[in-house]
Amino acid sequence: MNTLTALLKQKSLTIAVSESCTGGNLSALLTSQSGSSAYFDRGFITYTNQAKADMLGVKPTTLDKFGSVSKQVALEMAHGVIKNSSADISVAITGIAGPTGGTKNKPVGMVCFGFCINSECTTTTQCFGDIGRSNVMEKSVEFVVNFLLKKL
C-alpha cells in the first residue's frame, strides 16, 4: 500500500472510488495514512442499485439488463466517479461477497471492477470463490492495489 500511495504522490495523481461489496474498505485503506488528502479525493459507498443510480448515474436499464454485478455496471460506476469528482483515477467495485446472493452465473466471490486512469477506462472480473465474506472483501481491495501498481 505504501508503494501505491507514494506512486500517486510522486505522479501528482488523485483517486476517487465507488465501493459496493467492499463497503468502504478500499477508502479506509487509502486514507489510513497521514497526508492522504494529497491523493485521495473521495469515496462513494453505493451498496444498492438506487445508490448507484442516484450518486453515480448508473442507468436503470443497465442495472436491469446486466444486474448490479457486471462489467457494464462497474464501467458506468467508474465513469460516474470521474464525473462526480476531480480525480485522475477512478475505481469501482461491485460483487457478491456472500455468504448469500450467489447464482450459477454469478457465484459468491465474483467481483467486477471498473477503472478509469487518465481517461482510459477498463473493466475486469475476478472470481475469488466462496472464501468467506471478509476474505472476498480483502482480496478485492488487494486486487485493486495490485492492479493500480501495475498500471501506474
N, C-alpha and C. Protein backbone atom coordinates (compact mmCIF):
# COMPACT_ATOMS: atom_id res chain seq x y z
N MET A 1 0.82 -1.20 0.00
CA MET A 1 0.00 0.00 0.00
C MET A 1 0.85 1.25 0.00
N ASN A 2 1.91 1.24 0.79
CA ASN A 2 2.79 2.41 0.83
C ASN A 2 3.37 2.71 -0.54
N THR A 3 3.64 1.67 -1.33
CA THR A 3 4.17 1.86 -2.67
C THR A 3 3.15 2.57 -3.55
N LEU A 4 1.89 2.17 -3.46
CA LEU A 4 0.85 2.82 -4.26
C LEU A 4 0.68 4.27 -3.87
N THR A 5 0.59 4.55 -2.59
CA THR A 5 0.38 5.95 -2.17
C THR A 5 1.59 6.81 -2.54
N ALA A 6 2.79 6.26 -2.43
CA ALA A 6 4.00 7.00 -2.83
C ALA A 6 3.97 7.29 -4.33
N LEU A 7 3.52 6.32 -5.11
CA LEU A 7 3.43 6.48 -6.55
C LEU A 7 2.40 7.54 -6.93
N LEU A 8 1.24 7.52 -6.26
CA LEU A 8 0.23 8.53 -6.51
C LEU A 8 0.77 9.93 -6.20
N LYS A 9 1.47 10.06 -5.08
CA LYS A 9 2.04 11.36 -4.70
C LYS A 9 3.10 11.79 -5.71
N GLN A 10 3.99 10.86 -6.07
CA GLN A 10 5.09 11.16 -6.98
C GLN A 10 4.56 11.64 -8.34
N LYS A 11 3.49 11.03 -8.81
CA LYS A 11 2.94 11.38 -10.12
C LYS A 11 1.87 12.47 -10.02
N SER A 12 1.63 12.97 -8.81
CA SER A 12 0.62 14.01 -8.57
C SER A 12 -0.74 13.59 -9.10
N LEU A 13 -1.13 12.35 -8.81
CA LEU A 13 -2.41 11.81 -9.23
C LEU A 13 -3.35 11.72 -8.04
N THR A 14 -4.63 11.95 -8.32
CA THR A 14 -5.65 11.78 -7.29
C THR A 14 -6.57 10.62 -7.67
N ILE A 15 -7.17 10.02 -6.66
CA ILE A 15 -8.01 8.85 -6.85
C ILE A 15 -9.33 9.06 -6.12
N ALA A 16 -10.40 8.55 -6.73
CA ALA A 16 -11.72 8.50 -6.10
C ALA A 16 -12.28 7.12 -6.38
N VAL A 17 -13.10 6.63 -5.47
CA VAL A 17 -13.58 5.25 -5.59
C VAL A 17 -15.08 5.14 -5.34
N SER A 18 -15.66 4.08 -5.89
CA SER A 18 -17.02 3.70 -5.58
C SER A 18 -16.98 2.24 -5.17
N GLU A 19 -17.52 1.96 -4.00
CA GLU A 19 -17.49 0.61 -3.47
C GLU A 19 -18.89 0.12 -3.19
N SER A 20 -19.13 -1.11 -3.59
CA SER A 20 -20.37 -1.77 -3.22
C SER A 20 -20.03 -2.89 -2.24
N CYS A 21 -19.59 -4.02 -2.73
CA CYS A 21 -19.38 -5.18 -1.84
C CYS A 21 -18.24 -5.00 -0.84
N THR A 22 -17.35 -4.04 -1.06
CA THR A 22 -16.26 -3.81 -0.10
C THR A 22 -16.64 -2.79 0.97
N GLY A 23 -17.78 -2.15 0.82
CA GLY A 23 -18.35 -1.31 1.86
C GLY A 23 -17.47 -0.23 2.45
N GLY A 24 -16.52 0.27 1.71
CA GLY A 24 -15.66 1.34 2.22
C GLY A 24 -14.27 0.89 2.63
N ASN A 25 -13.97 -0.40 2.51
CA ASN A 25 -12.66 -0.89 2.93
C ASN A 25 -11.51 -0.32 2.09
N LEU A 26 -11.73 -0.14 0.79
CA LEU A 26 -10.68 0.46 -0.04
C LEU A 26 -10.45 1.91 0.38
N SER A 27 -11.53 2.64 0.58
CA SER A 27 -11.39 4.04 1.03
C SER A 27 -10.66 4.12 2.36
N ALA A 28 -11.01 3.21 3.27
CA ALA A 28 -10.35 3.19 4.58
C ALA A 28 -8.86 2.94 4.43
N LEU A 29 -8.50 2.01 3.57
CA LEU A 29 -7.07 1.71 3.37
C LEU A 29 -6.35 2.91 2.75
N LEU A 30 -6.97 3.51 1.74
CA LEU A 30 -6.33 4.65 1.07
C LEU A 30 -6.17 5.86 1.99
N THR A 31 -7.03 5.99 2.97
CA THR A 31 -6.96 7.14 3.88
C THR A 31 -6.33 6.81 5.22
N SER A 32 -5.75 5.64 5.34
CA SER A 32 -5.18 5.22 6.62
C SER A 32 -3.86 5.91 6.95
N GLN A 33 -3.28 6.56 5.98
CA GLN A 33 -2.01 7.26 6.21
C GLN A 33 -2.23 8.76 6.32
N SER A 34 -1.45 9.37 7.17
CA SER A 34 -1.47 10.82 7.29
C SER A 34 -1.07 11.43 5.95
N GLY A 35 -1.74 12.49 5.57
CA GLY A 35 -1.42 13.15 4.30
C GLY A 35 -2.15 12.58 3.11
N SER A 36 -3.13 11.71 3.36
CA SER A 36 -3.83 11.06 2.25
C SER A 36 -4.65 12.04 1.40
N SER A 37 -4.91 13.21 1.92
CA SER A 37 -5.66 14.19 1.12
C SER A 37 -4.85 14.65 -0.09
N ALA A 38 -3.56 14.35 -0.13
CA ALA A 38 -2.74 14.69 -1.29
C ALA A 38 -3.11 13.84 -2.51
N TYR A 39 -3.69 12.65 -2.28
CA TYR A 39 -4.01 11.77 -3.40
C TYR A 39 -5.44 11.22 -3.37
N PHE A 40 -6.13 11.27 -2.23
CA PHE A 40 -7.48 10.71 -2.15
C PHE A 40 -8.50 11.84 -2.23
N ASP A 41 -9.35 11.79 -3.28
CA ASP A 41 -10.35 12.84 -3.48
C ASP A 41 -11.64 12.54 -2.73
N ARG A 42 -12.23 11.35 -2.96
CA ARG A 42 -13.49 10.99 -2.30
C ARG A 42 -13.83 9.54 -2.55
N GLY A 43 -14.78 9.07 -1.74
CA GLY A 43 -15.27 7.72 -1.90
C GLY A 43 -16.79 7.69 -1.82
N PHE A 44 -17.37 6.87 -2.66
CA PHE A 44 -18.81 6.65 -2.67
C PHE A 44 -19.07 5.21 -2.24
N ILE A 45 -19.94 5.01 -1.28
CA ILE A 45 -20.37 3.66 -0.95
C ILE A 45 -21.75 3.51 -1.55
N THR A 46 -21.81 2.78 -2.65
CA THR A 46 -23.05 2.65 -3.42
C THR A 46 -23.49 1.19 -3.36
N TYR A 47 -24.00 0.83 -2.23
CA TYR A 47 -24.33 -0.57 -1.96
C TYR A 47 -25.58 -1.03 -2.70
N THR A 48 -26.56 -0.16 -2.86
CA THR A 48 -27.80 -0.55 -3.52
C THR A 48 -27.82 -0.06 -4.97
N ASN A 49 -28.70 -0.65 -5.75
CA ASN A 49 -28.87 -0.20 -7.13
C ASN A 49 -29.32 1.26 -7.16
N GLN A 50 -30.19 1.64 -6.23
CA GLN A 50 -30.66 3.03 -6.18
C GLN A 50 -29.50 3.98 -5.92
N ALA A 51 -28.60 3.60 -5.03
CA ALA A 51 -27.43 4.45 -4.74
C ALA A 51 -26.53 4.57 -5.97
N LYS A 52 -26.36 3.47 -6.69
CA LYS A 52 -25.54 3.50 -7.91
C LYS A 52 -26.15 4.47 -8.92
N ALA A 53 -27.47 4.42 -9.05
CA ALA A 53 -28.16 5.31 -9.99
C ALA A 53 -28.12 6.76 -9.51
N ASP A 54 -28.47 6.99 -8.25
CA ASP A 54 -28.55 8.35 -7.70
C ASP A 54 -27.20 9.05 -7.64
N MET A 55 -26.21 8.37 -7.13
CA MET A 55 -24.92 9.01 -6.86
C MET A 55 -23.96 9.00 -8.05
N LEU A 56 -24.10 7.99 -8.91
CA LEU A 56 -23.12 7.83 -9.99
C LEU A 56 -23.72 7.87 -11.38
N GLY A 57 -25.04 7.90 -11.46
CA GLY A 57 -25.68 7.97 -12.77
C GLY A 57 -25.71 6.65 -13.52
N VAL A 58 -25.57 5.54 -12.80
CA VAL A 58 -25.70 4.24 -13.47
C VAL A 58 -27.12 4.14 -13.98
N LYS A 59 -27.25 3.78 -15.25
CA LYS A 59 -28.57 3.74 -15.88
C LYS A 59 -29.39 2.56 -15.35
N PRO A 60 -30.66 2.82 -15.00
CA PRO A 60 -31.54 1.73 -14.57
C PRO A 60 -31.63 0.61 -15.62
N THR A 61 -31.57 0.98 -16.90
CA THR A 61 -31.64 -0.03 -17.95
C THR A 61 -30.42 -0.95 -17.91
N THR A 62 -29.25 -0.41 -17.57
CA THR A 62 -28.04 -1.23 -17.45
C THR A 62 -28.17 -2.17 -16.27
N LEU A 63 -28.68 -1.66 -15.16
CA LEU A 63 -28.88 -2.49 -13.98
C LEU A 63 -29.89 -3.61 -14.26
N ASP A 64 -30.97 -3.28 -14.95
CA ASP A 64 -32.00 -4.28 -15.27
C ASP A 64 -31.47 -5.34 -16.23
N LYS A 65 -30.74 -4.92 -17.24
CA LYS A 65 -30.28 -5.84 -18.28
C LYS A 65 -29.14 -6.75 -17.81
N PHE A 66 -28.18 -6.18 -17.07
CA PHE A 66 -26.97 -6.92 -16.73
C PHE A 66 -26.86 -7.28 -15.25
N GLY A 67 -27.62 -6.62 -14.39
CA GLY A 67 -27.51 -6.83 -12.96
C GLY A 67 -26.41 -5.98 -12.36
N SER A 68 -26.50 -5.76 -11.05
CA SER A 68 -25.54 -4.86 -10.40
C SER A 68 -24.13 -5.42 -10.39
N VAL A 69 -24.00 -6.73 -10.45
CA VAL A 69 -22.66 -7.36 -10.50
C VAL A 69 -22.38 -7.70 -11.95
N SER A 70 -21.80 -6.74 -12.66
CA SER A 70 -21.49 -6.91 -14.07
C SER A 70 -20.41 -5.91 -14.47
N LYS A 71 -19.69 -6.25 -15.53
CA LYS A 71 -18.67 -5.32 -16.04
C LYS A 71 -19.32 -4.02 -16.51
N GLN A 72 -20.53 -4.14 -17.08
CA GLN A 72 -21.22 -2.96 -17.60
C GLN A 72 -21.53 -1.97 -16.47
N VAL A 73 -22.01 -2.48 -15.34
CA VAL A 73 -22.31 -1.61 -14.21
C VAL A 73 -21.01 -1.06 -13.60
N ALA A 74 -19.99 -1.90 -13.49
CA ALA A 74 -18.70 -1.43 -12.95
C ALA A 74 -18.15 -0.29 -13.80
N LEU A 75 -18.28 -0.40 -15.12
CA LEU A 75 -17.79 0.65 -16.00
C LEU A 75 -18.60 1.94 -15.82
N GLU A 76 -19.92 1.82 -15.74
CA GLU A 76 -20.74 3.02 -15.52
C GLU A 76 -20.45 3.64 -14.15
N MET A 77 -20.18 2.80 -13.17
CA MET A 77 -19.80 3.32 -11.85
C MET A 77 -18.49 4.10 -11.95
N ALA A 78 -17.50 3.54 -12.64
CA ALA A 78 -16.20 4.21 -12.78
C ALA A 78 -16.35 5.54 -13.50
N HIS A 79 -17.18 5.57 -14.56
CA HIS A 79 -17.45 6.83 -15.26
C HIS A 79 -18.15 7.83 -14.33
N GLY A 80 -19.08 7.35 -13.53
CA GLY A 80 -19.79 8.21 -12.60
C GLY A 80 -18.89 8.81 -11.54
N VAL A 81 -17.91 8.04 -11.10
CA VAL A 81 -16.94 8.56 -10.13
C VAL A 81 -16.15 9.71 -10.74
N ILE A 82 -15.67 9.52 -11.97
CA ILE A 82 -14.92 10.59 -12.64
C ILE A 82 -15.79 11.83 -12.81
N LYS A 83 -17.03 11.63 -13.24
CA LYS A 83 -17.94 12.75 -13.49
C LYS A 83 -18.25 13.51 -12.20
N ASN A 84 -18.30 12.82 -11.08
CA ASN A 84 -18.68 13.43 -9.81
C ASN A 84 -17.51 13.66 -8.86
N SER A 85 -16.33 13.80 -9.42
CA SER A 85 -15.14 14.07 -8.60
C SER A 85 -14.17 14.89 -9.43
N SER A 86 -13.05 15.20 -8.83
CA SER A 86 -11.98 15.88 -9.57
C SER A 86 -10.76 14.98 -9.68
N ALA A 87 -10.98 13.67 -9.58
CA ALA A 87 -9.88 12.71 -9.55
C ALA A 87 -9.35 12.37 -10.95
N ASP A 88 -8.09 11.98 -10.98
CA ASP A 88 -7.45 11.49 -12.21
C ASP A 88 -7.75 10.01 -12.43
N ILE A 89 -7.99 9.30 -11.33
CA ILE A 89 -8.21 7.85 -11.36
C ILE A 89 -9.50 7.53 -10.64
N SER A 90 -10.29 6.65 -11.24
CA SER A 90 -11.47 6.15 -10.53
C SER A 90 -11.42 4.64 -10.48
N VAL A 91 -11.96 4.13 -9.39
CA VAL A 91 -12.07 2.68 -9.19
C VAL A 91 -13.51 2.40 -8.78
N ALA A 92 -14.08 1.34 -9.37
CA ALA A 92 -15.42 0.90 -8.99
C ALA A 92 -15.36 -0.58 -8.67
N ILE A 93 -16.03 -0.97 -7.60
CA ILE A 93 -16.06 -2.38 -7.17
C ILE A 93 -17.51 -2.77 -6.92
N THR A 94 -17.94 -3.87 -7.55
CA THR A 94 -19.27 -4.39 -7.31
C THR A 94 -19.21 -5.91 -7.41
N GLY A 95 -19.73 -6.58 -6.40
CA GLY A 95 -19.62 -8.03 -6.41
C GLY A 95 -20.51 -8.71 -5.39
N ILE A 96 -20.28 -10.00 -5.24
CA ILE A 96 -21.06 -10.82 -4.31
C ILE A 96 -20.10 -11.38 -3.26
N ALA A 97 -20.08 -10.73 -2.10
CA ALA A 97 -19.16 -11.14 -1.03
C ALA A 97 -19.66 -12.38 -0.29
N GLY A 98 -20.97 -12.60 -0.31
CA GLY A 98 -21.53 -13.80 0.34
C GLY A 98 -21.89 -13.56 1.79
N PRO A 99 -22.30 -14.54 2.47
CA PRO A 99 -22.39 -15.94 2.05
C PRO A 99 -23.59 -16.23 1.17
N THR A 100 -24.54 -15.29 1.06
CA THR A 100 -25.71 -15.50 0.22
C THR A 100 -25.61 -14.60 -1.00
N GLY A 101 -26.56 -14.74 -1.91
CA GLY A 101 -26.66 -13.85 -3.06
C GLY A 101 -26.09 -14.40 -4.34
N GLY A 102 -25.36 -15.49 -4.26
CA GLY A 102 -24.77 -16.06 -5.46
C GLY A 102 -25.77 -16.84 -6.30
N THR A 103 -25.48 -16.94 -7.59
CA THR A 103 -26.26 -17.76 -8.51
C THR A 103 -25.29 -18.60 -9.33
N LYS A 104 -25.82 -19.45 -10.20
CA LYS A 104 -24.96 -20.27 -11.05
C LYS A 104 -24.07 -19.39 -11.94
N ASN A 105 -24.66 -18.35 -12.51
CA ASN A 105 -23.90 -17.46 -13.41
C ASN A 105 -23.08 -16.40 -12.69
N LYS A 106 -23.48 -16.09 -11.46
CA LYS A 106 -22.77 -15.09 -10.66
C LYS A 106 -22.60 -15.66 -9.25
N PRO A 107 -21.57 -16.47 -9.09
CA PRO A 107 -21.39 -17.15 -7.80
C PRO A 107 -20.83 -16.23 -6.71
N VAL A 108 -20.99 -16.66 -5.48
CA VAL A 108 -20.37 -15.95 -4.36
C VAL A 108 -18.87 -15.86 -4.64
N GLY A 109 -18.32 -14.69 -4.44
CA GLY A 109 -16.90 -14.45 -4.67
C GLY A 109 -16.60 -13.80 -6.00
N MET A 110 -17.62 -13.60 -6.84
CA MET A 110 -17.43 -12.92 -8.12
C MET A 110 -17.48 -11.41 -7.90
N VAL A 111 -16.45 -10.72 -8.38
CA VAL A 111 -16.36 -9.27 -8.19
C VAL A 111 -15.97 -8.63 -9.52
N CYS A 112 -16.69 -7.58 -9.89
CA CYS A 112 -16.41 -6.83 -11.11
C CYS A 112 -15.79 -5.49 -10.73
N PHE A 113 -14.77 -5.11 -11.49
CA PHE A 113 -14.02 -3.89 -11.23
C PHE A 113 -14.06 -2.99 -12.45
N GLY A 114 -14.17 -1.69 -12.22
CA GLY A 114 -14.05 -0.70 -13.28
C GLY A 114 -12.95 0.28 -12.89
N PHE A 115 -12.15 0.65 -13.87
CA PHE A 115 -11.05 1.58 -13.64
C PHE A 115 -11.03 2.62 -14.76
N CYS A 116 -10.86 3.87 -14.39
CA CYS A 116 -10.56 4.92 -15.36
C CYS A 116 -9.28 5.59 -14.88
N ILE A 117 -8.27 5.54 -15.73
CA ILE A 117 -6.98 6.14 -15.40
C ILE A 117 -6.63 7.10 -16.52
N ASN A 118 -6.63 8.38 -16.20
CA ASN A 118 -6.37 9.42 -17.20
C ASN A 118 -7.18 9.20 -18.47
N SER A 119 -8.47 9.04 -18.32
CA SER A 119 -9.45 8.90 -19.40
C SER A 119 -9.44 7.54 -20.11
N GLU A 120 -8.57 6.63 -19.74
CA GLU A 120 -8.58 5.28 -20.31
C GLU A 120 -9.31 4.37 -19.33
N CYS A 121 -10.43 3.80 -19.79
CA CYS A 121 -11.27 3.00 -18.90
C CYS A 121 -11.24 1.53 -19.29
N THR A 122 -11.31 0.68 -18.28
CA THR A 122 -11.29 -0.76 -18.49
C THR A 122 -12.07 -1.45 -17.38
N THR A 123 -12.46 -2.68 -17.65
CA THR A 123 -13.14 -3.48 -16.63
C THR A 123 -12.50 -4.86 -16.57
N THR A 124 -12.69 -5.51 -15.45
CA THR A 124 -12.23 -6.88 -15.29
C THR A 124 -13.08 -7.55 -14.23
N THR A 125 -13.13 -8.86 -14.28
CA THR A 125 -13.88 -9.63 -13.30
C THR A 125 -12.95 -10.66 -12.68
N GLN A 126 -13.06 -10.79 -11.37
CA GLN A 126 -12.29 -11.80 -10.64
C GLN A 126 -13.27 -12.69 -9.89
N CYS A 127 -12.98 -13.98 -9.89
CA CYS A 127 -13.77 -14.92 -9.10
C CYS A 127 -12.88 -15.46 -7.99
N PHE A 128 -13.08 -14.96 -6.79
CA PHE A 128 -12.26 -15.35 -5.66
C PHE A 128 -12.74 -16.64 -5.02
N GLY A 129 -13.96 -17.05 -5.35
CA GLY A 129 -14.54 -18.25 -4.77
C GLY A 129 -15.27 -17.95 -3.47
N ASP A 130 -15.91 -18.98 -2.96
CA ASP A 130 -16.68 -18.86 -1.72
C ASP A 130 -15.72 -19.00 -0.54
N ILE A 131 -14.93 -17.94 -0.31
CA ILE A 131 -13.86 -17.97 0.69
C ILE A 131 -14.24 -17.22 1.97
N GLY A 132 -15.50 -16.82 2.05
CA GLY A 132 -15.96 -16.05 3.20
C GLY A 132 -16.04 -14.58 2.87
N ARG A 133 -17.03 -13.94 3.43
CA ARG A 133 -17.32 -12.54 3.14
C ARG A 133 -16.12 -11.62 3.35
N SER A 134 -15.52 -11.69 4.51
CA SER A 134 -14.40 -10.78 4.80
C SER A 134 -13.21 -11.05 3.89
N ASN A 135 -13.01 -12.31 3.51
CA ASN A 135 -11.89 -12.64 2.61
C ASN A 135 -12.14 -12.13 1.20
N VAL A 136 -13.38 -12.20 0.73
CA VAL A 136 -13.71 -11.65 -0.59
C VAL A 136 -13.46 -10.14 -0.59
N MET A 137 -13.86 -9.48 0.48
CA MET A 137 -13.65 -8.05 0.59
C MET A 137 -12.15 -7.72 0.59
N GLU A 138 -11.40 -8.47 1.38
CA GLU A 138 -9.95 -8.25 1.48
C GLU A 138 -9.26 -8.50 0.15
N LYS A 139 -9.61 -9.60 -0.51
CA LYS A 139 -8.99 -9.94 -1.81
C LYS A 139 -9.34 -8.90 -2.87
N SER A 140 -10.55 -8.35 -2.80
CA SER A 140 -10.95 -7.32 -3.75
C SER A 140 -10.10 -6.06 -3.60
N VAL A 141 -9.89 -5.64 -2.37
CA VAL A 141 -9.05 -4.46 -2.11
C VAL A 141 -7.61 -4.73 -2.54
N GLU A 142 -7.09 -5.91 -2.23
CA GLU A 142 -5.73 -6.28 -2.66
C GLU A 142 -5.62 -6.26 -4.19
N PHE A 143 -6.65 -6.77 -4.85
CA PHE A 143 -6.65 -6.78 -6.32
C PHE A 143 -6.53 -5.37 -6.87
N VAL A 144 -7.31 -4.45 -6.32
CA VAL A 144 -7.27 -3.06 -6.79
C VAL A 144 -5.87 -2.46 -6.61
N VAL A 145 -5.30 -2.64 -5.44
CA VAL A 145 -3.97 -2.09 -5.17
C VAL A 145 -2.96 -2.65 -6.18
N ASN A 146 -2.96 -3.96 -6.38
CA ASN A 146 -2.01 -4.58 -7.31
C ASN A 146 -2.26 -4.16 -8.75
N PHE A 147 -3.53 -4.05 -9.14
CA PHE A 147 -3.87 -3.59 -10.48
C PHE A 147 -3.33 -2.18 -10.72
N LEU A 148 -3.56 -1.29 -9.79
CA LEU A 148 -3.11 0.08 -9.94
C LEU A 148 -1.58 0.17 -9.95
N LEU A 149 -0.92 -0.62 -9.14
CA LEU A 149 0.55 -0.63 -9.15
C LEU A 149 1.08 -1.01 -10.53
N LYS A 150 0.47 -2.02 -11.15
CA LYS A 150 0.90 -2.46 -12.48
C LYS A 150 0.62 -1.40 -13.54
N LYS A 151 -0.55 -0.75 -13.45
CA LYS A 151 -0.94 0.24 -14.47
C LYS A 151 -0.18 1.55 -14.35
N LEU A 152 0.20 1.91 -13.14
CA LEU A 152 0.87 3.21 -12.96
C LEU A 152 2.37 3.07 -13.08
